[in-house]
Amino acid sequence: MKMRLAVIAFLALALGGLTAQAQEDPMAGMKMGRAASQAASMTDMMGAPGLVPFDIMTGQAGQWMVGYQFMYEEMNGLLEGRDSVSEASVLTQYKTSPTDMTNRMHMVMAMYAPTDKFTLMAMLPYTNMSMGELHRDGTRSTERSEGIGDFEFRCLYSLYAAKDLRHRFLVNLGVAFPTGSINERDAEGMRMEYPMQLGSGTYSILPGVTYLGQALPWGWAVDLSATLPLGRNTIGYRLGNRYQSSATVSREFANGVSLSGGLRGELWDNIHGSDPSLDPTDEPTKDPNAQGGKRLSALLGIAFHPQKGPLKGQHLHLLGEVPVAQSLDGPQLKRSWLIRIGWQLEF
């Protein structure tokens, strides 16, 4: 909770400070005008630096990009639908109740644009998870899993781009490969529950569509995407479909900084099939019918994108997400907050 408040306070102070600077500096308008003009001339196909969301990668023909992203998620408390439930009430139905969970993910990515309209992307995550548990006899334990997740390969195509980039429409299609383990085991050698596994065990189709707009120094974006697993894995289940949408507005400043805010909606289905080694009456995390849900989160971000000097071509992003509303098939752990930190280098 303290970390979440600190992140929100930092981003809010940054926004207030930059806005005050623009208002107090009599040359601010001229500086922003020059910065906007330079950005427009330097980014024919990519848009102004900082106005394109971090996870939407577009490029010019022959351009490469490499990047790294760190994601930290914290979950505390339990929901059944929209209602909070106590661990004690969960233990009247199950032998064990989850109490909290942290998820740390490192993502490496690479992008190449064969043409101005066509971009290829590859991403590989490495995940470290831990989950606390309370047992009916009053004892507590912690489970941990760590390793690579499912590798993703995506293709993005620009269907339409206005000459001034005021409007752009992009489509993307990808495939997730089952490189992440679905056989992670606890200290006693038993296979762990569904949320503690590193991968899906199946191939997945990754369709999406994006709209980008800009009128310097402002930019906006709407993104729709899905993860659609195919078939069932070797254990006998398939993760539920996941759908995600987001809408953001960004503001670029003359000092190589941009701020953004918006909303993200998520919906994910329950698991189809089951792992025969997991007893669904033992813990809700082992129940395939207690894994779905939906969530609406507020987004607040800051990005640094120097246009000259030794750091030119590099981008650093910080994005915080705080749930506004959650409804979970449960009982299920609810998200408290999430933060993403990303770095990109274009060449």
Foldseek 3Di string as FASTA:
>chain_A
DVVQVVVVVVLVVVVVVQVVVCVPDPCFVVLQVVLLVVQLVVCQQAHGPPQDDPVDDADAAFKKKKKKKKKKFKFAFWAAFQDTDDQVVQCVQAQKEWGMKMKIKMKIKMKHHNHRFKIKMKMKIKMKMKIKMAGPVGDIDMWIDTGIEWIKIKMKGWPDAPRSRQKTKMKMKMKTHGPWAQQDAGPVRAGDFDVRGRYFQFMWMKIKMKMKGDDPPKIKIKIKIKTGGDDHHPQWKGFWIKIKIWIKMKGDGSQQKMKMKTKMKMWTAFMGTARVRADCSHYVSRNSRFATWMWMKIKIKMKGADCDDPCHQKMKMKMKIATPGITTNDRDTDIGIMMMIMMMGMD
